[in-house]
N, C-alpha and C. Protein backbone atom coordinates (compact mmCIF):
# COMPACT_ATOMS: atom_id res chain seq x y z
N UNK A 1 10.07 -88.08 77.15
CA UNK A 1 10.53 -88.06 75.78
C UNK A 1 11.97 -88.52 75.74
N UNK A 2 12.31 -89.30 74.72
CA UNK A 2 13.67 -89.81 74.56
C UNK A 2 14.47 -88.80 73.74
N UNK A 3 15.20 -87.91 74.43
CA UNK A 3 15.99 -86.89 73.74
C UNK A 3 17.13 -87.49 72.93
N UNK A 4 17.51 -88.73 73.21
CA UNK A 4 18.55 -89.40 72.45
C UNK A 4 18.16 -89.64 71.00
N UNK A 5 16.86 -89.58 70.71
CA UNK A 5 16.39 -89.76 69.33
C UNK A 5 16.26 -88.45 68.56
N UNK A 6 16.51 -87.31 69.22
CA UNK A 6 16.37 -86.01 68.57
C UNK A 6 17.75 -85.45 68.22
N UNK A 7 17.85 -84.80 67.06
CA UNK A 7 19.10 -84.08 66.79
C UNK A 7 19.10 -82.79 67.61
N UNK A 8 20.25 -82.15 67.71
CA UNK A 8 20.40 -80.98 68.59
C UNK A 8 19.44 -79.85 68.23
N UNK A 9 19.28 -79.58 66.94
CA UNK A 9 18.42 -78.46 66.55
C UNK A 9 16.95 -78.74 66.85
N UNK A 10 16.51 -79.98 66.71
CA UNK A 10 15.13 -80.31 67.05
C UNK A 10 14.92 -80.27 68.56
N UNK A 11 15.88 -80.74 69.33
CA UNK A 11 15.78 -80.68 70.79
C UNK A 11 15.65 -79.23 71.27
N UNK A 12 16.42 -78.33 70.67
CA UNK A 12 16.33 -76.91 71.04
C UNK A 12 14.97 -76.33 70.65
N UNK A 13 14.47 -76.70 69.46
CA UNK A 13 13.17 -76.19 69.01
C UNK A 13 12.04 -76.71 69.89
N UNK A 14 12.11 -77.95 70.32
CA UNK A 14 11.08 -78.52 71.18
C UNK A 14 11.08 -77.84 72.55
N UNK A 15 12.26 -77.50 73.05
CA UNK A 15 12.37 -76.88 74.37
C UNK A 15 12.23 -75.36 74.37
N UNK A 16 12.02 -74.77 73.19
CA UNK A 16 11.93 -73.30 73.10
C UNK A 16 10.79 -72.77 73.95
N UNK A 17 11.08 -71.70 74.68
CA UNK A 17 10.07 -71.05 75.53
C UNK A 17 8.93 -70.49 74.67
N UNK A 18 7.74 -70.60 75.18
CA UNK A 18 6.60 -69.97 74.52
C UNK A 18 6.05 -70.73 73.33
N UNK A 19 6.59 -71.88 73.00
CA UNK A 19 6.09 -72.66 71.86
C UNK A 19 4.86 -73.45 72.30
N UNK A 20 3.77 -73.30 71.56
CA UNK A 20 2.54 -74.01 71.86
C UNK A 20 2.73 -75.49 71.53
N UNK A 21 2.43 -76.36 72.46
CA UNK A 21 2.67 -77.80 72.30
C UNK A 21 1.78 -78.44 71.24
N UNK A 22 0.68 -77.79 70.86
CA UNK A 22 -0.27 -78.38 69.92
C UNK A 22 -0.16 -77.85 68.50
N UNK A 23 0.54 -76.74 68.28
CA UNK A 23 0.63 -76.13 66.95
C UNK A 23 1.66 -76.87 66.12
N UNK A 24 1.25 -77.32 64.94
CA UNK A 24 2.16 -78.05 64.05
C UNK A 24 2.96 -77.04 63.23
N UNK A 25 4.23 -76.86 63.65
CA UNK A 25 5.08 -75.88 62.99
C UNK A 25 6.52 -76.35 62.81
N UNK A 26 6.83 -77.57 63.25
CA UNK A 26 8.20 -78.07 63.17
C UNK A 26 8.35 -79.00 61.97
N UNK A 27 9.14 -78.63 60.96
CA UNK A 27 9.38 -79.54 59.83
C UNK A 27 10.37 -80.63 60.28
N UNK A 28 9.92 -81.87 60.27
CA UNK A 28 10.69 -82.97 60.86
C UNK A 28 10.82 -84.13 59.87
N UNK A 29 12.00 -84.77 59.89
CA UNK A 29 12.21 -86.04 59.20
C UNK A 29 12.18 -87.13 60.26
N UNK A 30 11.44 -88.20 59.98
CA UNK A 30 11.28 -89.31 60.91
C UNK A 30 11.93 -90.54 60.29
N UNK A 31 12.94 -91.09 60.96
CA UNK A 31 13.59 -92.32 60.48
C UNK A 31 13.02 -93.49 61.27
N UNK A 32 12.54 -94.51 60.52
CA UNK A 32 11.87 -95.66 61.11
C UNK A 32 12.76 -96.90 61.06
N UNK A 33 12.42 -97.90 61.88
CA UNK A 33 13.19 -99.13 61.93
C UNK A 33 12.97 -100.01 60.71
N UNK A 34 11.84 -99.92 60.09
CA UNK A 34 11.54 -100.76 58.93
C UNK A 34 10.06 -100.67 58.60
N UNK A 35 9.54 -101.67 57.88
CA UNK A 35 8.12 -101.66 57.54
C UNK A 35 7.25 -101.59 58.80
N UNK A 36 6.15 -100.87 58.69
CA UNK A 36 5.29 -100.62 59.84
C UNK A 36 4.03 -101.48 59.82
N UNK A 37 3.52 -101.75 61.00
CA UNK A 37 2.23 -102.42 61.12
C UNK A 37 1.13 -101.38 60.87
N UNK A 38 -0.08 -101.86 60.74
CA UNK A 38 -1.20 -100.94 60.53
C UNK A 38 -1.40 -100.03 61.74
N UNK A 39 -1.22 -100.56 62.95
CA UNK A 39 -1.36 -99.76 64.16
C UNK A 39 -0.30 -98.65 64.21
N UNK A 40 0.90 -98.96 63.79
CA UNK A 40 1.97 -97.95 63.77
C UNK A 40 1.68 -96.88 62.72
N UNK A 41 1.15 -97.29 61.57
CA UNK A 41 0.76 -96.31 60.54
C UNK A 41 -0.33 -95.39 61.06
N UNK A 42 -1.30 -95.95 61.78
CA UNK A 42 -2.38 -95.15 62.36
C UNK A 42 -1.82 -94.14 63.36
N UNK A 43 -0.85 -94.55 64.16
CA UNK A 43 -0.25 -93.63 65.12
C UNK A 43 0.48 -92.51 64.40
N UNK A 44 1.19 -92.82 63.32
CA UNK A 44 1.85 -91.78 62.53
C UNK A 44 0.84 -90.80 61.97
N UNK A 45 -0.26 -91.33 61.41
CA UNK A 45 -1.29 -90.45 60.86
C UNK A 45 -1.88 -89.56 61.95
N UNK A 46 -2.07 -90.11 63.14
CA UNK A 46 -2.59 -89.34 64.26
C UNK A 46 -1.67 -88.20 64.67
N UNK A 47 -0.38 -88.38 64.42
CA UNK A 47 0.60 -87.33 64.74
C UNK A 47 0.83 -86.37 63.57
N UNK A 48 0.12 -86.57 62.47
CA UNK A 48 0.25 -85.65 61.35
C UNK A 48 1.20 -86.08 60.26
N UNK A 49 1.69 -87.32 60.32
CA UNK A 49 2.57 -87.83 59.26
C UNK A 49 1.67 -88.52 58.26
N UNK A 50 1.45 -87.86 57.12
CA UNK A 50 0.57 -88.39 56.09
C UNK A 50 1.39 -88.93 54.92
N UNK A 51 0.70 -89.55 53.99
CA UNK A 51 1.37 -90.00 52.79
C UNK A 51 1.54 -91.51 52.80
N UNK A 52 1.97 -92.01 51.67
CA UNK A 52 2.17 -93.44 51.49
C UNK A 52 3.54 -93.82 52.01
N UNK A 53 3.58 -94.66 53.02
CA UNK A 53 4.86 -95.04 53.61
C UNK A 53 5.33 -96.40 53.10
N UNK A 54 4.75 -96.91 52.04
CA UNK A 54 5.02 -98.25 51.53
C UNK A 54 6.51 -98.61 51.55
N UNK A 55 6.94 -99.16 52.66
CA UNK A 55 8.31 -99.63 52.77
C UNK A 55 9.35 -98.56 53.01
N UNK A 56 8.97 -97.30 53.06
CA UNK A 56 9.94 -96.23 53.27
C UNK A 56 10.37 -96.20 54.73
N UNK A 57 11.62 -95.85 54.95
CA UNK A 57 12.12 -95.77 56.32
C UNK A 57 12.38 -94.33 56.75
N UNK A 58 12.21 -93.36 55.85
CA UNK A 58 12.32 -91.95 56.21
C UNK A 58 11.08 -91.23 55.69
N UNK A 59 10.38 -90.56 56.61
CA UNK A 59 9.18 -89.80 56.26
C UNK A 59 9.37 -88.37 56.74
N UNK A 60 8.69 -87.44 56.10
CA UNK A 60 8.75 -86.04 56.53
C UNK A 60 7.35 -85.55 56.86
N UNK A 61 7.29 -84.60 57.79
CA UNK A 61 6.00 -84.04 58.20
C UNK A 61 6.24 -82.75 58.96
N UNK A 62 5.19 -81.98 59.11
CA UNK A 62 5.20 -80.80 59.97
C UNK A 62 4.48 -81.20 61.26
N UNK A 63 5.23 -81.23 62.36
CA UNK A 63 4.72 -81.77 63.62
C UNK A 63 4.65 -80.70 64.71
N UNK A 64 3.82 -80.99 65.69
CA UNK A 64 3.78 -80.16 66.89
C UNK A 64 4.80 -80.69 67.90
N UNK A 65 5.04 -79.91 68.92
CA UNK A 65 5.94 -80.36 69.98
C UNK A 65 5.42 -81.65 70.62
N UNK A 66 4.14 -81.72 70.82
CA UNK A 66 3.53 -82.92 71.41
C UNK A 66 3.70 -84.14 70.50
N UNK A 67 3.55 -83.97 69.19
CA UNK A 67 3.75 -85.07 68.24
C UNK A 67 5.18 -85.59 68.32
N UNK A 68 6.15 -84.69 68.42
CA UNK A 68 7.55 -85.08 68.53
C UNK A 68 7.76 -85.90 69.80
N UNK A 69 7.17 -85.46 70.89
CA UNK A 69 7.29 -86.18 72.16
C UNK A 69 6.73 -87.60 72.05
N UNK A 70 5.58 -87.74 71.42
CA UNK A 70 4.94 -89.05 71.25
C UNK A 70 5.82 -89.96 70.40
N UNK A 71 6.27 -89.46 69.25
CA UNK A 71 7.05 -90.30 68.34
C UNK A 71 8.42 -90.66 68.91
N UNK A 72 9.02 -89.75 69.66
CA UNK A 72 10.35 -90.03 70.24
C UNK A 72 10.29 -91.19 71.23
N UNK A 73 9.13 -91.48 71.79
CA UNK A 73 9.00 -92.57 72.75
C UNK A 73 8.66 -93.91 72.11
N UNK A 74 8.49 -93.94 70.79
CA UNK A 74 8.12 -95.19 70.12
C UNK A 74 9.36 -96.01 69.78
N UNK A 75 9.36 -97.31 70.05
CA UNK A 75 10.54 -98.15 69.77
C UNK A 75 10.81 -98.31 68.28
N UNK A 76 9.82 -98.11 67.42
CA UNK A 76 10.00 -98.28 65.99
C UNK A 76 10.45 -96.99 65.30
N UNK A 77 10.64 -95.92 66.06
CA UNK A 77 11.22 -94.67 65.55
C UNK A 77 12.69 -94.64 65.97
N UNK A 78 13.58 -94.57 64.98
CA UNK A 78 15.01 -94.54 65.27
C UNK A 78 15.51 -93.15 65.62
N UNK A 79 15.09 -92.14 64.83
CA UNK A 79 15.67 -90.81 64.95
C UNK A 79 14.72 -89.77 64.39
N UNK A 80 14.71 -88.60 64.98
CA UNK A 80 13.93 -87.46 64.49
C UNK A 80 14.88 -86.29 64.28
N UNK A 81 14.79 -85.64 63.13
CA UNK A 81 15.66 -84.50 62.85
C UNK A 81 14.82 -83.31 62.38
N UNK A 82 15.28 -82.13 62.72
CA UNK A 82 14.64 -80.90 62.24
C UNK A 82 15.08 -80.70 60.80
N UNK A 83 14.12 -80.64 59.90
CA UNK A 83 14.44 -80.45 58.48
C UNK A 83 14.80 -79.00 58.23
N UNK A 84 15.72 -78.80 57.33
CA UNK A 84 16.13 -77.46 56.94
C UNK A 84 15.79 -77.23 55.48
N UNK A 85 15.43 -76.01 55.16
CA UNK A 85 15.14 -75.69 53.77
C UNK A 85 16.45 -75.67 53.01
N UNK A 86 16.49 -76.39 51.91
CA UNK A 86 17.72 -76.44 51.11
C UNK A 86 17.77 -75.27 50.16
N UNK A 87 18.97 -74.74 50.01
CA UNK A 87 19.18 -73.62 49.10
C UNK A 87 20.16 -74.02 48.01
N UNK A 88 20.06 -73.44 46.85
CA UNK A 88 21.00 -73.78 45.76
C UNK A 88 22.42 -73.35 46.15
N UNK A 89 23.36 -74.10 45.65
CA UNK A 89 24.78 -73.77 45.94
C UNK A 89 25.24 -72.57 45.17
């Protein structure tokens, strides 16, 4: 896995002891290089990233540790960040 593509909080969550590699529980933002091919879209869907990506370069999903590992190794994924719940000011 390319840890250089993960922010610090996501890297810590992925490495957490006792976390099941297959359970989708990590809210993640995925930044992409640009428009995707059909094969790349299929790979995203296989990792649990659903929705219409029509030209979008940032997608959000709830991923497993294994999904994060797969996406971090893809050349068309720029960065993965752990999403945080926003609260009113």
